[in-house]
Structures are given as C-alpha cells and as structure tokens.
C-alpha cells in the first residue's frame, strides 16, 4: 500500500488538499465479471468503455443503434422503414429502444437456426 499526501495545492482561486491512496501490484489485472440487462448493453459498454457516472440509455439514436449492430445508418433506416426494427418518437426525435435491438437479434437468430428445406 502506498500513500501520497499533497497538501495545499492551488488551482486558480481554490486551495485543495489531495490524498492519494493506491495499491501497487504485479501480475495481470484482475478480471471482473458482471451480468448485464441485455446483450446490446454488453456491446455498448465494450464499444464505448462505459464507466461510472455515465447514463445507460434506454433508447438509442439511429447512429448508436447502427454502431451497436455493426451496420450502416442507412441500413438501420431501411429496417425501420420496413418494420423489421421498432422505434419510438419522443417529440420530433426518433429513438430505438434497446429492447427492440434485442428482439431484432433474437428474430434473426431464430430464423437462422430453422432448418432450410430444399424447395
């Protein structure tokens, strides 16, 4: 355990007292496991590096949904237009609920797991 105490640091017109308390270890960093509410939430955290203090969005913009699905914005608009992906309007804003992304992915998985019979 290493403690470092810095007192009376001036930042502009403020005077601060800073106390750093850190533990120095060797070896690989610990692996933290956590359950999340949805697969899309996992992907969003992985892509955006979501940390403490950030808000988890219940509804995403078209651009955010496209990034999470790994497709282009135009493709998301096409999915919305054809009704394959659900969205909501909040005032003038179009948003895609995270649950709609989960449902869309679940439908794709169900379709891909069905046996295809030769016609």
N, C-alpha and C. Protein backbone atom coordinates (compact mmCIF):
# COMPACT_ATOMS: atom_id res chain seq x y z
N UNK A 1 0.86 -1.17 0.00
CA UNK A 1 0.00 0.00 0.00
C UNK A 1 0.90 1.23 0.00
N UNK A 2 0.59 2.17 -0.83
CA UNK A 2 1.39 3.39 -0.95
C UNK A 2 0.47 4.58 -0.72
N UNK A 3 0.85 5.47 0.16
CA UNK A 3 0.06 6.68 0.42
C UNK A 3 0.89 7.89 0.07
N UNK A 4 0.26 8.79 -0.62
CA UNK A 4 0.91 10.03 -1.01
C UNK A 4 -0.03 11.17 -0.65
N UNK A 5 0.45 12.07 0.17
CA UNK A 5 -0.39 13.18 0.59
C UNK A 5 0.22 14.49 0.11
N UNK A 6 -0.56 15.21 -0.66
CA UNK A 6 -0.16 16.51 -1.16
C UNK A 6 -1.11 17.53 -0.56
N UNK A 7 -0.58 18.51 0.09
CA UNK A 7 -1.45 19.49 0.74
C UNK A 7 -1.31 20.84 0.07
N UNK A 8 -2.39 21.59 0.19
CA UNK A 8 -2.42 22.99 -0.25
C UNK A 8 -2.00 23.19 -1.69
N UNK A 9 -2.67 22.51 -2.56
CA UNK A 9 -2.44 22.68 -3.99
C UNK A 9 -3.34 23.81 -4.45
N UNK A 10 -2.78 24.78 -5.11
CA UNK A 10 -3.58 25.90 -5.61
C UNK A 10 -4.00 25.64 -7.04
N UNK A 11 -5.30 25.70 -7.28
CA UNK A 11 -5.86 25.58 -8.63
C UNK A 11 -6.74 26.80 -8.82
N UNK A 12 -6.24 27.76 -9.57
CA UNK A 12 -6.98 29.01 -9.74
C UNK A 12 -7.14 29.68 -8.39
N UNK A 13 -8.36 30.02 -8.04
CA UNK A 13 -8.61 30.68 -6.77
C UNK A 13 -8.92 29.68 -5.65
N UNK A 14 -8.83 28.37 -5.95
CA UNK A 14 -9.16 27.34 -4.97
C UNK A 14 -7.90 26.73 -4.39
N UNK A 15 -7.96 26.37 -3.12
CA UNK A 15 -6.86 25.67 -2.48
C UNK A 15 -7.37 24.28 -2.12
N UNK A 16 -6.68 23.24 -2.60
CA UNK A 16 -7.12 21.87 -2.43
C UNK A 16 -6.14 21.07 -1.59
N UNK A 17 -6.66 20.07 -0.89
CA UNK A 17 -5.81 19.08 -0.24
C UNK A 17 -6.09 17.76 -0.94
N UNK A 18 -5.06 17.12 -1.43
CA UNK A 18 -5.19 15.91 -2.21
C UNK A 18 -4.52 14.76 -1.47
N UNK A 19 -5.23 13.67 -1.33
CA UNK A 19 -4.69 12.48 -0.70
C UNK A 19 -4.85 11.32 -1.67
N UNK A 20 -3.76 10.73 -2.09
CA UNK A 20 -3.78 9.58 -2.99
C UNK A 20 -3.46 8.33 -2.18
N UNK A 21 -4.27 7.32 -2.31
CA UNK A 21 -4.08 6.07 -1.63
C UNK A 21 -4.18 4.98 -2.68
N UNK A 22 -3.08 4.33 -3.00
CA UNK A 22 -3.11 3.34 -4.07
C UNK A 22 -2.35 2.09 -3.67
N UNK A 23 -2.71 1.02 -4.30
CA UNK A 23 -2.06 -0.25 -4.08
C UNK A 23 -1.33 -0.63 -5.35
N UNK A 24 -0.08 -0.95 -5.25
CA UNK A 24 0.72 -1.33 -6.40
C UNK A 24 0.88 -2.84 -6.37
N UNK A 25 0.47 -3.49 -7.46
CA UNK A 25 0.57 -4.94 -7.53
C UNK A 25 1.31 -5.32 -8.80
N UNK A 26 1.77 -6.54 -8.83
CA UNK A 26 2.41 -7.05 -10.03
C UNK A 26 1.55 -8.17 -10.58
N UNK A 27 1.73 -8.47 -11.84
CA UNK A 27 0.96 -9.53 -12.47
C UNK A 27 -0.18 -8.96 -13.29
N UNK A 28 -0.99 -9.84 -13.88
CA UNK A 28 -2.08 -9.39 -14.74
C UNK A 28 -3.18 -8.71 -13.91
N UNK A 29 -3.92 -7.80 -14.53
CA UNK A 29 -5.01 -7.14 -13.81
C UNK A 29 -6.12 -8.15 -13.49
N UNK A 30 -6.88 -7.90 -12.43
CA UNK A 30 -7.95 -8.84 -12.09
C UNK A 30 -9.05 -8.79 -13.14
N UNK A 31 -9.76 -9.90 -13.30
CA UNK A 31 -10.86 -9.99 -14.24
C UNK A 31 -12.15 -9.80 -13.45
N UNK A 32 -12.95 -8.84 -13.86
CA UNK A 32 -14.21 -8.57 -13.20
C UNK A 32 -15.34 -9.12 -14.05
N UNK A 33 -16.22 -9.88 -13.46
CA UNK A 33 -17.37 -10.44 -14.17
C UNK A 33 -18.63 -9.79 -13.62
N UNK A 34 -19.51 -9.40 -14.52
CA UNK A 34 -20.78 -8.81 -14.11
C UNK A 34 -21.85 -9.20 -15.10
N UNK A 35 -23.06 -9.35 -14.62
CA UNK A 35 -24.18 -9.63 -15.50
C UNK A 35 -24.81 -8.31 -15.91
N UNK A 36 -25.28 -8.25 -17.14
CA UNK A 36 -25.93 -7.04 -17.62
C UNK A 36 -27.36 -7.35 -17.99
N UNK A 37 -28.11 -6.29 -18.26
CA UNK A 37 -29.52 -6.44 -18.56
C UNK A 37 -29.76 -7.03 -19.95
N UNK A 38 -28.86 -6.77 -20.90
CA UNK A 38 -29.11 -7.23 -22.25
C UNK A 38 -27.79 -7.39 -23.01
N UNK A 39 -27.80 -8.19 -24.08
CA UNK A 39 -26.59 -8.34 -24.90
C UNK A 39 -26.16 -7.02 -25.53
N UNK A 40 -27.12 -6.19 -25.90
CA UNK A 40 -26.74 -4.91 -26.52
C UNK A 40 -26.03 -4.01 -25.51
N UNK A 41 -26.40 -4.12 -24.25
CA UNK A 41 -25.73 -3.33 -23.22
C UNK A 41 -24.26 -3.73 -23.12
N UNK A 42 -23.99 -5.06 -23.18
CA UNK A 42 -22.61 -5.54 -23.16
C UNK A 42 -21.82 -4.93 -24.31
N UNK A 43 -22.42 -4.94 -25.49
CA UNK A 43 -21.73 -4.44 -26.67
C UNK A 43 -21.48 -2.94 -26.58
N UNK A 44 -22.45 -2.22 -26.06
CA UNK A 44 -22.29 -0.77 -25.91
C UNK A 44 -21.16 -0.47 -24.95
N UNK A 45 -21.10 -1.18 -23.83
CA UNK A 45 -20.02 -0.96 -22.87
C UNK A 45 -18.67 -1.28 -23.50
N UNK A 46 -18.61 -2.37 -24.26
CA UNK A 46 -17.35 -2.75 -24.89
C UNK A 46 -16.91 -1.70 -25.89
N UNK A 47 -17.85 -1.14 -26.65
CA UNK A 47 -17.50 -0.16 -27.67
C UNK A 47 -17.22 1.21 -27.10
N UNK A 48 -17.91 1.59 -26.06
CA UNK A 48 -17.80 2.95 -25.54
C UNK A 48 -17.00 3.05 -24.25
N UNK A 49 -16.62 1.92 -23.69
CA UNK A 49 -15.86 1.98 -22.45
C UNK A 49 -16.64 2.67 -21.34
N UNK A 50 -17.89 2.30 -21.18
CA UNK A 50 -18.75 2.96 -20.21
C UNK A 50 -18.20 2.79 -18.82
N UNK A 51 -18.10 3.86 -18.12
CA UNK A 51 -17.58 3.83 -16.77
C UNK A 51 -18.58 4.40 -15.79
N UNK A 52 -18.16 4.56 -14.55
CA UNK A 52 -19.06 5.08 -13.53
C UNK A 52 -19.49 6.50 -13.87
N UNK A 53 -20.71 6.82 -13.53
CA UNK A 53 -21.21 8.17 -13.75
C UNK A 53 -21.85 8.38 -15.10
N UNK A 54 -21.73 7.41 -16.00
CA UNK A 54 -22.35 7.55 -17.31
C UNK A 54 -23.75 6.94 -17.28
N UNK A 55 -24.65 7.54 -18.00
CA UNK A 55 -26.04 7.12 -18.02
C UNK A 55 -26.22 5.99 -19.02
N UNK A 56 -26.93 4.94 -18.59
CA UNK A 56 -27.27 3.87 -19.52
C UNK A 56 -28.54 4.28 -20.24
N UNK A 57 -28.47 4.40 -21.54
CA UNK A 57 -29.61 4.86 -22.31
C UNK A 57 -30.60 3.73 -22.56
N UNK A 58 -31.88 4.04 -22.40
CA UNK A 58 -32.94 3.08 -22.67
C UNK A 58 -33.31 3.09 -24.14
N UNK A 59 -33.09 4.23 -24.80
CA UNK A 59 -33.40 4.37 -26.22
C UNK A 59 -32.21 5.02 -26.91
N UNK A 60 -31.91 4.53 -28.10
CA UNK A 60 -30.71 4.95 -28.82
C UNK A 60 -31.05 5.73 -30.07
N UNK A 61 -30.11 6.54 -30.52
CA UNK A 61 -30.27 7.20 -31.81
C UNK A 61 -30.04 6.16 -32.90
N UNK A 62 -30.39 6.52 -34.12
CA UNK A 62 -30.17 5.62 -35.25
C UNK A 62 -28.68 5.33 -35.38
N UNK A 63 -27.85 6.34 -35.19
CA UNK A 63 -26.40 6.15 -35.31
C UNK A 63 -25.88 5.20 -34.24
N UNK A 64 -26.36 5.35 -32.99
CA UNK A 64 -25.92 4.46 -31.91
C UNK A 64 -26.37 3.03 -32.18
N UNK A 65 -27.61 2.86 -32.65
CA UNK A 65 -28.11 1.53 -32.97
C UNK A 65 -27.30 0.90 -34.10
N UNK A 66 -26.97 1.69 -35.11
CA UNK A 66 -26.17 1.18 -36.22
C UNK A 66 -24.80 0.72 -35.74
N UNK A 67 -24.20 1.50 -34.86
CA UNK A 67 -22.89 1.13 -34.33
C UNK A 67 -22.97 -0.16 -33.52
N UNK A 68 -24.02 -0.29 -32.72
CA UNK A 68 -24.17 -1.50 -31.91
C UNK A 68 -24.42 -2.74 -32.76
N UNK A 69 -25.16 -2.58 -33.85
CA UNK A 69 -25.44 -3.70 -34.74
C UNK A 69 -24.30 -3.96 -35.72
N UNK A 70 -23.40 -3.01 -35.83
CA UNK A 70 -22.28 -3.18 -36.77
C UNK A 70 -22.69 -3.00 -38.21
N UNK A 71 -23.71 -2.16 -38.43
CA UNK A 71 -24.19 -1.90 -39.79
C UNK A 71 -24.24 -0.39 -40.01
N UNK A 72 -24.54 0.02 -41.20
CA UNK A 72 -24.59 1.44 -41.52
C UNK A 72 -25.90 2.09 -41.11
N UNK A 73 -25.85 3.40 -41.02
CA UNK A 73 -27.02 4.18 -40.65
C UNK A 73 -28.16 4.00 -41.65
N UNK A 74 -27.83 3.98 -42.95
CA UNK A 74 -28.85 3.80 -43.98
C UNK A 74 -29.56 2.45 -43.84
N UNK A 75 -28.81 1.43 -43.47
CA UNK A 75 -29.40 0.10 -43.27
C UNK A 75 -30.39 0.11 -42.10
N UNK A 76 -30.05 0.84 -41.03
CA UNK A 76 -30.97 0.95 -39.89
C UNK A 76 -32.25 1.66 -40.32
N UNK A 77 -32.12 2.74 -41.08
CA UNK A 77 -33.31 3.44 -41.58
C UNK A 77 -34.16 2.51 -42.44
N UNK A 78 -33.53 1.66 -43.23
CA UNK A 78 -34.27 0.70 -44.05
C UNK A 78 -35.01 -0.31 -43.17
N UNK A 79 -34.36 -0.80 -42.11
CA UNK A 79 -35.01 -1.72 -41.17
C UNK A 79 -36.20 -1.06 -40.49
N UNK A 80 -36.07 0.22 -40.17
CA UNK A 80 -37.18 0.95 -39.56
C UNK A 80 -38.33 1.12 -40.55
N UNK A 81 -37.98 1.46 -41.79
CA UNK A 81 -38.99 1.69 -42.84
C UNK A 81 -39.79 0.42 -43.14
N UNK A 82 -39.12 -0.72 -43.13
CA UNK A 82 -39.79 -1.99 -43.45
C UNK A 82 -40.44 -2.63 -42.23
N UNK A 83 -40.29 -2.03 -41.06
CA UNK A 83 -40.91 -2.56 -39.86
C UNK A 83 -40.16 -3.71 -39.21
N UNK A 84 -38.96 -4.01 -39.68
CA UNK A 84 -38.18 -5.09 -39.09
C UNK A 84 -37.58 -4.69 -37.75
N UNK A 85 -37.42 -3.38 -37.55
CA UNK A 85 -36.87 -2.84 -36.32
C UNK A 85 -37.83 -1.77 -35.81
N UNK A 86 -38.23 -1.90 -34.55
CA UNK A 86 -39.20 -0.96 -33.97
C UNK A 86 -38.50 0.29 -33.46
N UNK A 87 -39.24 1.40 -33.47
CA UNK A 87 -38.72 2.65 -32.93
C UNK A 87 -39.85 3.42 -32.28
N UNK A 88 -39.47 4.44 -31.54
CA UNK A 88 -40.45 5.32 -30.90
C UNK A 88 -40.11 6.76 -31.25
N UNK A 89 -41.11 7.61 -31.12
CA UNK A 89 -40.89 9.05 -31.32
C UNK A 89 -41.00 9.72 -29.96
N UNK A 90 -40.04 10.53 -29.64
CA UNK A 90 -40.07 11.37 -28.44
C UNK A 90 -40.03 12.79 -28.96
N UNK A 91 -41.20 13.40 -29.03
CA UNK A 91 -41.29 14.71 -29.68
C UNK A 91 -40.98 14.54 -31.14
N UNK A 92 -39.97 15.26 -31.62
CA UNK A 92 -39.55 15.15 -33.01
C UNK A 92 -38.42 14.14 -33.20
N UNK A 93 -37.95 13.56 -32.11
CA UNK A 93 -36.79 12.67 -32.16
C UNK A 93 -37.21 11.22 -32.36
N UNK A 94 -36.51 10.52 -33.22
CA UNK A 94 -36.72 9.08 -33.45
C UNK A 94 -35.70 8.34 -32.60
N UNK A 95 -36.16 7.41 -31.77
CA UNK A 95 -35.28 6.62 -30.92
C UNK A 95 -35.63 5.15 -31.05
N UNK A 96 -34.62 4.31 -30.85
CA UNK A 96 -34.78 2.86 -30.94
C UNK A 96 -34.52 2.28 -29.55
N UNK A 97 -35.56 1.70 -28.94
CA UNK A 97 -35.36 1.10 -27.61
C UNK A 97 -34.35 -0.04 -27.68
N UNK A 98 -33.56 -0.18 -26.62
CA UNK A 98 -32.59 -1.28 -26.58
C UNK A 98 -33.31 -2.61 -26.70
N UNK A 99 -34.50 -2.70 -26.13
CA UNK A 99 -35.26 -3.96 -26.21
C UNK A 99 -35.62 -4.30 -27.66
N UNK A 100 -35.81 -3.26 -28.51
CA UNK A 100 -36.11 -3.52 -29.92
C UNK A 100 -34.90 -4.14 -30.62
N UNK A 101 -33.70 -3.71 -30.25
CA UNK A 101 -32.48 -4.32 -30.82
C UNK A 101 -32.38 -5.78 -30.39
N UNK A 102 -32.66 -6.04 -29.11
CA UNK A 102 -32.61 -7.42 -28.61
C UNK A 102 -33.62 -8.29 -29.34
N UNK A 103 -34.83 -7.77 -29.55
CA UNK A 103 -35.87 -8.53 -30.26
C UNK A 103 -35.48 -8.81 -31.70
N UNK A 104 -34.91 -7.81 -32.35
CA UNK A 104 -34.48 -7.96 -33.74
C UNK A 104 -33.40 -9.05 -33.85
N UNK A 105 -32.42 -9.01 -32.96
CA UNK A 105 -31.35 -10.01 -32.98
C UNK A 105 -31.93 -11.40 -32.68
N UNK A 106 -32.87 -11.48 -31.72
CA UNK A 106 -33.49 -12.77 -31.39
C UNK A 106 -34.22 -13.34 -32.59
N UNK A 107 -34.93 -12.48 -33.35
CA UNK A 107 -35.64 -12.96 -34.56
C UNK A 107 -34.64 -13.46 -35.59
N UNK A 108 -33.54 -12.74 -35.77
CA UNK A 108 -32.52 -13.18 -36.74
C UNK A 108 -31.93 -14.53 -36.33
N UNK A 109 -31.67 -14.69 -35.04
CA UNK A 109 -31.13 -15.97 -34.56
C UNK A 109 -32.12 -17.10 -34.76
N UNK A 110 -33.41 -16.83 -34.48
CA UNK A 110 -34.44 -17.87 -34.66
C UNK A 110 -34.55 -18.26 -36.13
N UNK A 111 -34.50 -17.27 -37.01
CA UNK A 111 -34.59 -17.55 -38.45
C UNK A 111 -33.38 -18.34 -38.93
N UNK A 112 -32.21 -18.01 -38.43
CA UNK A 112 -31.00 -18.70 -38.90
C UNK A 112 -30.89 -20.10 -38.33
N UNK A 113 -31.58 -20.40 -37.23
CA UNK A 113 -31.47 -21.73 -36.64
C UNK A 113 -32.53 -22.69 -37.18
N UNK A 114 -33.51 -22.18 -37.93
CA UNK A 114 -34.51 -23.05 -38.54
C UNK A 114 -33.87 -23.85 -39.67
N UNK A 115 -34.23 -25.13 -39.78
CA UNK A 115 -33.66 -25.90 -40.90
C UNK A 115 -34.26 -25.43 -42.23
N UNK A 116 -33.42 -25.29 -43.21
CA UNK A 116 -33.88 -24.88 -44.54
C UNK A 116 -34.12 -26.13 -45.37
N UNK A 117 -35.36 -26.27 -45.80
CA UNK A 117 -35.71 -27.42 -46.63
C UNK A 117 -35.51 -27.08 -48.09
N UNK A 118 -34.91 -28.00 -48.83
CA UNK A 118 -34.73 -27.73 -50.27
C UNK A 118 -36.09 -27.65 -50.97
N UNK A 119 -36.23 -26.68 -51.84
CA UNK A 119 -37.51 -26.43 -52.49
C UNK A 119 -37.60 -27.14 -53.76
